[in-house]
Amino acid sequence: MEPTATNGRVNGNGRKGILHENGNGAVAVADQEIPQIETPNLEDYSAEEALRWALETFNPSMYIACSFQKTSSVTVHMATQIDPEARFFYLDTDVLFPETYETRDALEERYGIKFHRYSSMTLEQQAGLYGDQLWSRDPDACCGIRKVDPMRSALSAVDCWVSGIRRKDTQARANAPKFAWDKRFGLWKLNPLADWSEDQVWDYIRENDIPYNPLHDQGYPSIGCTHCTRKPAAGEDARAGRWAGSEKTECGLHG
């Protein structure tokens, strides 16, 4: 069945996308040439300056992704201070922590915004097709269904998306540019916090009294789905608690 826009809505630049309230589906990104735009050297820009440039250049055809970890709190606050019409979304895997949903609600209330929710098939449908607990047997496949496919839907109708990744997160992200063409999803991607340190993130949150995920205070430096996230042991890397026991280090959204 050909995907259609929920309730007939057309998002962003006019290409139809799926804003999932329920249900499933994915939109493949067609091969396309990289569009030419006049871009300043954003590597020299502060996070606020880079985000302001992107909002002025792309909004409303720009989407800010939120995982409701600490960097999401920063980008939500920063973007709403620049442009109250900034648009936000999240990927609901249906196995997020209760504290993650509470953080979503707290940010919505504080800033008067609404996070658009994108999802995939239900867990019951996934189990029927691929067996129970796919995340423990094939985490790449599970992330593909519950994260990558909904992400394609979310980004199908915009020209730029914003993430909160930082170069110090992982070795795989060490060379992440502040702004570049995202070949995986076929649009521009802005990483305004790419050069931020952990201290900068927390200083910004505290100075601006921003709601953040309380799991960070309980020993979770990196937060994903309940089945694939644990507290790192003493001396372990900050992301050691993600997909512990496997060689997997990324969910498939970045890089």
C-alpha atoms as a PDB file:
ATOM      1  CA  MET A   1       0.000   0.000   0.000  1.00  0.00           C
ATOM      2  CA  GLU A   2       1.359   3.411  -0.941  1.00  0.00           C
ATOM      3  CA  PRO A   3       2.062   5.530   2.185  1.00  0.00           C
ATOM      4  CA  THR A   4       0.043   8.720   2.512  1.00  0.00           C
ATOM      5  CA  ALA A   5       0.285  11.719   4.786  1.00  0.00           C
ATOM      6  CA  THR A   6      -1.595  11.322   8.059  1.00  0.00           C
ATOM      7  CA  ASN A   7      -4.912  13.174   7.959  1.00  0.00           C
ATOM      8  CA  GLY A   8      -3.917  14.496   4.548  1.00  0.00           C
ATOM      9  CA  ARG A   9      -1.145  16.630   5.988  1.00  0.00           C
ATOM     10  CA  VAL A  10       1.734  17.686   3.808  1.00  0.00           C
ATOM     11  CA  ASN A  11       4.873  18.581   5.719  1.00  0.00           C
ATOM     12  CA  GLY A  12       7.888  20.778   5.082  1.00  0.00           C
ATOM     13  CA  ASN A  13       8.706  21.447   1.460  1.00  0.00           C
ATOM     14  CA  GLY A  14       5.584  19.787   0.109  1.00  0.00           C
ATOM     15  CA  ARG A  15       6.795  16.199  -0.295  1.00  0.00           C
ATOM     16  CA  LYS A  16       4.396  13.932   1.517  1.00  0.00           C
ATOM     17  CA  GLY A  17       5.669  12.187   4.625  1.00  0.00           C
ATOM     18  CA  ILE A  18       4.147   9.940   7.227  1.00  0.00           C
ATOM     19  CA  LEU A  19       3.502  11.464  10.625  1.00  0.00           C
ATOM     20  CA  HIS A  20       2.813   8.262  12.576  1.00  0.00           C
ATOM     21  CA  GLU A  21       0.248   8.308  15.293  1.00  0.00           C
ATOM     22  CA  ASN A  22       0.027   4.536  14.904  1.00  0.00           C
ATOM     23  CA  GLY A  23       0.751   2.054  12.156  1.00  0.00           C
ATOM     24  CA  ASN A  24       3.850   1.368  10.158  1.00  0.00           C
ATOM     25  CA  GLY A  25       5.595   1.997   6.907  1.00  0.00           C
ATOM     26  CA  ALA A  26       8.755   3.557   5.584  1.00  0.00           C
ATOM     27  CA  VAL A  27       9.619   5.923   2.805  1.00  0.00           C
ATOM     28  CA  ALA A  28      12.697   5.194   0.736  1.00  0.00           C
ATOM     29  CA  VAL A  29      14.886   8.149  -0.201  1.00  0.00           C
ATOM     30  CA  ALA A  30      15.241   8.440  -3.959  1.00  0.00           C
ATOM     31  CA  ASP A  31      18.660   9.000  -5.501  1.00  0.00           C
ATOM     32  CA  GLN A  32      19.214  12.696  -5.913  1.00  0.00           C
ATOM     33  CA  GLU A  33      21.942  15.201  -6.646  1.00  0.00           C
ATOM     34  CA  ILE A  34      23.225  17.282  -3.763  1.00  0.00           C
ATOM     35  CA  PRO A  35      21.524  20.678  -4.014  1.00  0.00           C
ATOM     36  CA  GLN A  36      23.790  23.689  -4.191  1.00  0.00           C
ATOM     37  CA  ILE A  37      23.385  26.237  -1.420  1.00  0.00           C
ATOM     38  CA  GLU A  38      25.530  29.104  -0.237  1.00  0.00           C
ATOM     39  CA  THR A  39      26.970  27.973   3.077  1.00  0.00           C
ATOM     40  CA  PRO A  40      29.193  29.905   5.480  1.00  0.00           C
ATOM     41  CA  ASN A  41      31.987  28.105   7.293  1.00  0.00           C
ATOM     42  CA  LEU A  42      29.853  26.773  10.102  1.00  0.00           C
ATOM     43  CA  GLU A  43      32.859  25.184  11.783  1.00  0.00           C
ATOM     44  CA  ASP A  44      33.715  28.688  12.974  1.00  0.00           C
ATOM     45  CA  TYR A  45      30.173  29.323  14.231  1.00  0.00           C
ATOM     46  CA  SER A  46      28.995  28.820  17.785  1.00  0.00           C
ATOM     47  CA  ALA A  47      26.152  26.351  18.320  1.00  0.00           C
ATOM     48  CA  GLU A  48      23.661  29.223  18.560  1.00  0.00           C
ATOM     49  CA  GLU A  49      24.997  30.867  15.408  1.00  0.00           C
ATOM     50  CA  ALA A  50      24.896  27.628  13.429  1.00  0.00           C
ATOM     51  CA  LEU A  51      21.373  26.845  14.572  1.00  0.00           C
ATOM     52  CA  ARG A  52      20.195  30.368  13.819  1.00  0.00           C
ATOM     53  CA  TRP A  53      21.657  30.156  10.312  1.00  0.00           C
ATOM     54  CA  ALA A  54      19.951  26.815   9.684  1.00  0.00           C
ATOM     55  CA  LEU A  55      16.582  28.027  10.966  1.00  0.00           C
ATOM     56  CA  GLU A  56      16.768  31.166   8.830  1.00  0.00           C
ATOM     57  CA  THR A  57      17.859  29.130   5.805  1.00  0.00           C
ATOM     58  CA  PHE A  58      15.595  26.084   5.995  1.00  0.00           C
ATOM     59  CA  ASN A  59      12.688  26.600   8.375  1.00  0.00           C
ATOM     60  CA  PRO A  60       9.901  25.409   8.133  1.00  0.00           C
ATOM     61  CA  SER A  61      11.541  22.679   6.042  1.00  0.00           C
ATOM     62  CA  MET A  62      13.781  21.689   8.943  1.00  0.00           C
ATOM     63  CA  TYR A  63      13.243  19.122  11.672  1.00  0.00           C
ATOM     64  CA  ILE A  64      15.090  18.908  14.997  1.00  0.00           C
ATOM     65  CA  ALA A  65      15.484  15.328  16.222  1.00  0.00           C
ATOM     66  CA  CYS A  66      15.101  14.678  19.933  1.00  0.00           C
ATOM     67  CA  SER A  67      16.172  11.560  21.819  1.00  0.00           C
ATOM     68  CA  PHE A  68      15.406  13.254  25.163  1.00  0.00           C
ATOM     69  CA  GLN A  69      18.957  12.843  26.328  1.00  0.00           C
ATOM     70  CA  LYS A  70      20.903  15.818  27.663  1.00  0.00           C
ATOM     71  CA  THR A  71      21.844  17.265  24.277  1.00  0.00           C
ATOM     72  CA  SER A  72      18.195  17.267  23.219  1.00  0.00           C
ATOM     73  CA  SER A  73      17.417  19.500  26.182  1.00  0.00           C
ATOM     74  CA  VAL A  74      20.069  21.911  24.922  1.00  0.00           C
ATOM     75  CA  THR A  75      18.877  21.998  21.301  1.00  0.00           C
ATOM     76  CA  VAL A  76      15.224  22.394  22.322  1.00  0.00           C
ATOM     77  CA  HIS A  77      15.986  25.379  24.533  1.00  0.00           C
ATOM     78  CA  MET A  78      18.387  26.945  22.039  1.00  0.00           C
ATOM     79  CA  ALA A  79      16.074  26.546  19.046  1.00  0.00           C
ATOM     80  CA  THR A  80      12.975  27.888  20.786  1.00  0.00           C
ATOM     81  CA  GLN A  81      14.894  30.960  21.920  1.00  0.00           C
ATOM     82  CA  ILE A  82      15.906  31.622  18.306  1.00  0.00           C
ATOM     83  CA  ASP A  83      12.620  30.731  16.613  1.00  0.00           C
ATOM     84  CA  PRO A  84       9.448  29.785  18.521  1.00  0.00           C
ATOM     85  CA  GLU A  85       8.220  28.110  15.315  1.00  0.00           C
ATOM     86  CA  ALA A  86      11.072  25.575  15.264  1.00  0.00           C
ATOM     87  CA  ARG A  87       9.816  22.043  14.623  1.00  0.00           C
ATOM     88  CA  PHE A  88      10.757  18.965  16.653  1.00  0.00           C
ATOM     89  CA  PHE A  89      10.237  15.223  16.330  1.00  0.00           C
ATOM     90  CA  TYR A  90      11.168  11.985  18.041  1.00  0.00           C
ATOM     91  CA  LEU A  91      11.252   8.288  17.198  1.00  0.00           C
ATOM     92  CA  ASP A  92       9.037   6.270  19.505  1.00  0.00           C
ATOM     93  CA  THR A  93      10.346   2.709  19.582  1.00  0.00           C
ATOM     94  CA  ASP A  94       7.634   1.776  22.114  1.00  0.00           C
ATOM     95  CA  VAL A  95      10.390   0.585  24.454  1.00  0.00           C
ATOM     96  CA  LEU A  96      11.703   3.912  25.738  1.00  0.00           C
ATOM     97  CA  PHE A  97      12.179   4.440  29.475  1.00  0.00           C
ATOM     98  CA  PRO A  98       9.303   6.020  31.434  1.00  0.00           C
ATOM     99  CA  GLU A  99      11.735   8.807  32.375  1.00  0.00           C
ATOM    100  CA  THR A 100      12.278   9.522  28.683  1.00  0.00           C
ATOM    101  CA  TYR A 101       8.563  10.086  28.094  1.00  0.00           C
ATOM    102  CA  GLU A 102       8.459  12.236  31.236  1.00  0.00           C
ATOM    103  CA  THR A 103      11.288  14.361  29.837  1.00  0.00           C
ATOM    104  CA  ARG A 104       9.365  14.795  26.589  1.00  0.00           C
ATOM    105  CA  ASP A 105       6.330  15.994  28.525  1.00  0.00           C
ATOM    106  CA  ALA A 106       8.392  18.347  30.698  1.00  0.00           C
ATOM    107  CA  LEU A 107      10.011  19.977  27.664  1.00  0.00           C
ATOM    108  CA  GLU A 108       6.669  20.360  25.900  1.00  0.00           C
ATOM    109  CA  GLU A 109       5.192  22.062  28.937  1.00  0.00           C
ATOM    110  CA  ARG A 110       8.182  24.325  29.557  1.00  0.00           C
ATOM    111  CA  TYR A 111       8.543  25.562  25.980  1.00  0.00           C
ATOM    112  CA  GLY A 112       4.983  25.302  24.685  1.00  0.00           C
ATOM    113  CA  ILE A 113       5.935  22.972  21.853  1.00  0.00           C
ATOM    114  CA  LYS A 114       4.735  19.651  20.485  1.00  0.00           C
ATOM    115  CA  PHE A 115       7.075  16.830  19.520  1.00  0.00           C
ATOM    116  CA  HIS A 116       5.868  15.025  16.403  1.00  0.00           C
ATOM    117  CA  ARG A 117       5.913  11.284  17.017  1.00  0.00           C
ATOM    118  CA  TYR A 118       7.124   8.799  14.414  1.00  0.00           C
ATOM    119  CA  SER A 119       6.876   5.074  14.936  1.00  0.00           C
ATOM    120  CA  SER A 120       7.063   1.739  13.176  1.00  0.00           C
ATOM    121  CA  MET A 121       5.030  -1.442  13.417  1.00  0.00           C
ATOM    122  CA  THR A 122       3.818  -2.512  16.834  1.00  0.00           C
ATOM    123  CA  LEU A 123       5.945  -4.787  18.982  1.00  0.00           C
ATOM    124  CA  GLU A 124       3.316  -7.487  18.495  1.00  0.00           C
ATOM    125  CA  GLN A 125       3.572  -7.176  14.714  1.00  0.00           C
ATOM    126  CA  GLN A 126       7.350  -7.290  14.912  1.00  0.00           C
ATOM    127  CA  ALA A 127       7.245 -10.435  17.063  1.00  0.00           C
ATOM    128  CA  GLY A 128       4.822 -12.061  14.640  1.00  0.00           C
ATOM    129  CA  LEU A 129       7.083 -11.375  11.678  1.00  0.00           C
ATOM    130  CA  TYR A 130      10.533 -11.844  13.217  1.00  0.00           C
ATOM    131  CA  GLY A 131      10.033 -13.628  16.534  1.00  0.00           C
ATOM    132  CA  ASP A 132      10.160 -12.404  20.114  1.00  0.00           C
ATOM    133  CA  GLN A 133      12.934 -10.163  21.407  1.00  0.00           C
ATOM    134  CA  LEU A 134      14.490  -9.341  18.061  1.00  0.00           C
ATOM    135  CA  TRP A 135      16.648  -6.768  19.845  1.00  0.00           C
ATOM    136  CA  SER A 136      18.547  -9.532  21.644  1.00  0.00           C
ATOM    137  CA  ARG A 137      19.065 -11.699  18.523  1.00  0.00           C
ATOM    138  CA  ASP A 138      19.602  -9.104  15.819  1.00  0.00           C
ATOM    139  CA  PRO A 139      19.855  -5.567  17.234  1.00  0.00           C
ATOM    140  CA  ASP A 140      20.736  -4.124  13.827  1.00  0.00           C
ATOM    141  CA  ALA A 141      17.496  -5.434  12.375  1.00  0.00           C
ATOM    142  CA  CYS A 142      15.528  -4.183  15.363  1.00  0.00           C
ATOM    143  CA  CYS A 143      17.022  -0.685  15.091  1.00  0.00           C
ATOM    144  CA  GLY A 144      16.324  -0.746  11.378  1.00  0.00           C
ATOM    145  CA  ILE A 145      12.645  -1.397  11.995  1.00  0.00           C
ATOM    146  CA  ARG A 146      12.106   0.753  15.059  1.00  0.00           C
ATOM    147  CA  LYS A 147      14.446   3.664  14.310  1.00  0.00           C
ATOM    148  CA  VAL A 148      15.767   3.858  10.752  1.00  0.00           C
ATOM    149  CA  ASP A 149      12.462   3.222   8.953  1.00  0.00           C
ATOM    150  CA  PRO A 150      10.544   5.815  11.033  1.00  0.00           C
ATOM    151  CA  MET A 151      13.427   8.248  10.542  1.00  0.00           C
ATOM    152  CA  ARG A 152      13.057   7.965   6.774  1.00  0.00           C
ATOM    153  CA  SER A 153       9.394   8.829   7.189  1.00  0.00           C
ATOM    154  CA  ALA A 154      10.179  11.801   9.405  1.00  0.00           C
ATOM    155  CA  LEU A 155      12.788  13.217   7.038  1.00  0.00           C
ATOM    156  CA  SER A 156      10.936  12.576   3.791  1.00  0.00           C
ATOM    157  CA  ALA A 157       9.321  16.012   3.820  1.00  0.00           C
ATOM    158  CA  VAL A 158      12.143  18.314   4.946  1.00  0.00           C
ATOM    159  CA  ASP A 159      15.429  19.631   3.555  1.00  0.00           C
ATOM    160  CA  CYS A 160      17.530  19.673   6.730  1.00  0.00           C
ATOM    161  CA  TRP A 161      17.556  17.898  10.063  1.00  0.00           C
ATOM    162  CA  VAL A 162      19.340  18.654  13.317  1.00  0.00           C
ATOM    163  CA  SER A 163      20.939  16.150  15.671  1.00  0.00           C
ATOM    164  CA  GLY A 164      22.589  16.498  19.055  1.00  0.00           C
ATOM    165  CA  ILE A 165      25.595  14.270  18.417  1.00  0.00           C
ATOM    166  CA  ARG A 166      29.029  15.339  19.603  1.00  0.00           C
ATOM    167  CA  ARG A 167      32.474  14.364  18.375  1.00  0.00           C
ATOM    168  CA  LYS A 168      33.413  13.192  21.850  1.00  0.00           C
ATOM    169  CA  ASP A 169      30.486  10.734  21.996  1.00  0.00           C
ATOM    170  CA  THR A 170      32.252   7.922  20.134  1.00  0.00           C
ATOM    171  CA  GLN A 171      35.197   7.290  17.854  1.00  0.00           C
ATOM    172  CA  ALA A 172      32.743   6.895  14.973  1.00  0.00           C
ATOM    173  CA  ARG A 173      31.543  10.464  15.542  1.00  0.00           C
ATOM    174  CA  ALA A 174      34.993  11.996  16.091  1.00  0.00           C
ATOM    175  CA  ASN A 175      35.040  13.655  12.680  1.00  0.00           C
ATOM    176  CA  ALA A 176      31.386  14.640  12.483  1.00  0.00           C
ATOM    177  CA  PRO A 177      31.074  17.994  10.680  1.00  0.00           C
ATOM    178  CA  LYS A 178      28.778  20.704  11.940  1.00  0.00           C
ATOM    179  CA  PHE A 179      27.000  20.762   8.597  1.00  0.00           C
ATOM    180  CA  ALA A 180      27.080  18.323   5.701  1.00  0.00           C
ATOM    181  CA  TRP A 181      24.988  16.372   3.224  1.00  0.00           C
ATOM    182  CA  ASP A 182      23.525  13.267   4.848  1.00  0.00           C
ATOM    183  CA  LYS A 183      23.868  10.556   2.202  1.00  0.00           C
ATOM    184  CA  ARG A 184      21.926   8.047   4.262  1.00  0.00           C
ATOM    185  CA  PHE A 185      18.721  10.061   4.282  1.00  0.00           C
ATOM    186  CA  GLY A 186      19.257  12.376   1.338  1.00  0.00           C
ATOM    187  CA  LEU A 187      19.168  15.832   2.931  1.00  0.00           C
ATOM    188  CA  TRP A 188      21.308  18.329   4.848  1.00  0.00           C
ATOM    189  CA  LYS A 189      22.257  17.604   8.446  1.00  0.00           C
ATOM    190  CA  LEU A 190      23.313  20.062  11.136  1.00  0.00           C
ATOM    191  CA  ASN A 191      25.233  19.000  14.245  1.00  0.00           C
ATOM    192  CA  PRO A 192      25.394  22.301  16.165  1.00  0.00           C
ATOM    193  CA  LEU A 193      26.875  20.717  19.307  1.00  0.00           C
ATOM    194  CA  ALA A 194      29.541  18.718  17.449  1.00  0.00           C
ATOM    195  CA  ASP A 195      32.435  20.482  19.178  1.00  0.00           C
ATOM    196  CA  TRP A 196      30.860  20.731  22.638  1.00  0.00           C
ATOM    197  CA  SER A 197      32.332  19.032  25.687  1.00  0.00           C
ATOM    198  CA  GLU A 198      30.358  17.222  28.368  1.00  0.00           C
ATOM    199  CA  ASP A 199      30.941  20.153  30.719  1.00  0.00           C
ATOM    200  CA  GLN A 200      29.579  22.624  28.184  1.00  0.00           C
ATOM    201  CA  VAL A 201      26.376  20.598  27.854  1.00  0.00           C
ATOM    202  CA  TRP A 202      25.766  20.450  31.585  1.00  0.00           C
ATOM    203  CA  ASP A 203      26.757  24.077  32.158  1.00  0.00           C
ATOM    204  CA  TYR A 204      24.208  25.167  29.551  1.00  0.00           C
ATOM    205  CA  ILE A 205      21.478  23.021  31.101  1.00  0.00           C
ATOM    206  CA  ARG A 206      22.127  24.323  34.603  1.00  0.00           C
ATOM    207  CA  GLU A 207      22.551  27.964  33.602  1.00  0.00           C
ATOM    208  CA  ASN A 208      19.216  27.914  31.787  1.00  0.00           C
ATOM    209  CA  ASP A 209      17.385  25.605  34.224  1.00  0.00           C
ATOM    210  CA  ILE A 210      16.354  23.238  31.439  1.00  0.00           C
ATOM    211  CA  PRO A 211      14.444  19.996  32.124  1.00  0.00           C
ATOM    212  CA  TYR A 212      16.567  16.930  31.381  1.00  0.00           C
ATOM    213  CA  ASN A 213      16.271  13.177  31.581  1.00  0.00           C
ATOM    214  CA  PRO A 214      16.592  12.124  35.244  1.00  0.00           C
ATOM    215  CA  LEU A 215      18.259   8.866  34.190  1.00  0.00           C
ATOM    216  CA  HIS A 216      21.429  10.918  33.723  1.00  0.00           C
ATOM    217  CA  ASP A 217      21.467  11.431  37.481  1.00  0.00           C
ATOM    218  CA  GLN A 218      21.053   7.677  38.016  1.00  0.00           C
ATOM    219  CA  GLY A 219      24.236   6.674  36.215  1.00  0.00           C
ATOM    220  CA  TYR A 220      23.072   6.551  32.586  1.00  0.00           C
ATOM    221  CA  PRO A 221      25.339   8.802  30.482  1.00  0.00           C
ATOM    222  CA  SER A 222      23.749   7.475  27.261  1.00  0.00           C
ATOM    223  CA  ILE A 223      20.086   6.499  27.033  1.00  0.00           C
ATOM    224  CA  GLY A 224      18.292   4.431  24.431  1.00  0.00           C
ATOM    225  CA  CYS A 225      15.686   1.684  24.609  1.00  0.00           C
ATOM    226  CA  THR A 226      15.035  -0.221  27.814  1.00  0.00           C
ATOM    227  CA  HIS A 227      16.186  -3.596  26.472  1.00  0.00           C
ATOM    228  CA  CYS A 228      19.445  -2.286  25.048  1.00  0.00           C
ATOM    229  CA  THR A 229      20.573   0.227  27.690  1.00  0.00           C
ATOM    230  CA  ARG A 230      22.276  -0.416  31.011  1.00  0.00           C
ATOM    231  CA  LYS A 231      24.448   1.599  33.347  1.00  0.00           C
ATOM    232  CA  PRO A 232      28.141   1.418  32.422  1.00  0.00           C
ATOM    233  CA  ALA A 233      30.294  -0.253  35.030  1.00  0.00           C
ATOM    234  CA  ALA A 234      32.980   1.731  36.823  1.00  0.00           C
ATOM    235  CA  GLY A 235      35.741   2.653  34.391  1.00  0.00           C
ATOM    236  CA  GLU A 236      33.737   1.760  31.286  1.00  0.00           C
ATOM    237  CA  ASP A 237      33.165   4.105  28.372  1.00  0.00           C
ATOM    238  CA  ALA A 238      30.082   6.335  28.607  1.00  0.00           C
ATOM    239  CA  ARG A 239      28.369   4.394  25.814  1.00  0.00           C
ATOM    240  CA  ALA A 240      29.393   0.940  27.051  1.00  0.00           C
ATOM    241  CA  GLY A 241      25.871   0.441  28.342  1.00  0.00           C
ATOM    242  CA  ARG A 242      24.390   0.644  24.836  1.00  0.00           C
ATOM    243  CA  TRP A 243      23.918  -2.768  23.172  1.00  0.00           C
ATOM    244  CA  ALA A 244      26.193  -4.273  25.829  1.00  0.00           C
ATOM    245  CA  GLY A 245      27.582  -7.678  24.901  1.00  0.00           C
ATOM    246  CA  SER A 246      27.449  -6.989  21.172  1.00  0.00           C
ATOM    247  CA  GLU A 247      29.748  -5.248  18.716  1.00  0.00           C
ATOM    248  CA  LYS A 248      27.047  -2.740  17.866  1.00  0.00           C
ATOM    249  CA  THR A 249      27.856   0.891  18.704  1.00  0.00           C
ATOM    250  CA  GLU A 250      25.397   2.924  16.604  1.00  0.00           C
ATOM    251  CA  CYS A 251      21.682   2.663  15.938  1.00  0.00           C
ATOM    252  CA  GLY A 252      21.980   3.436  12.229  1.00  0.00           C
ATOM    253  CA  LEU A 253      20.847   7.063  12.226  1.00  0.00           C
ATOM    254  CA  HIS A 254      24.307   8.637  12.130  1.00  0.00           C
ATOM    255  CA  GLY A 255      27.227   8.013   9.838  1.00  0.00           C
END
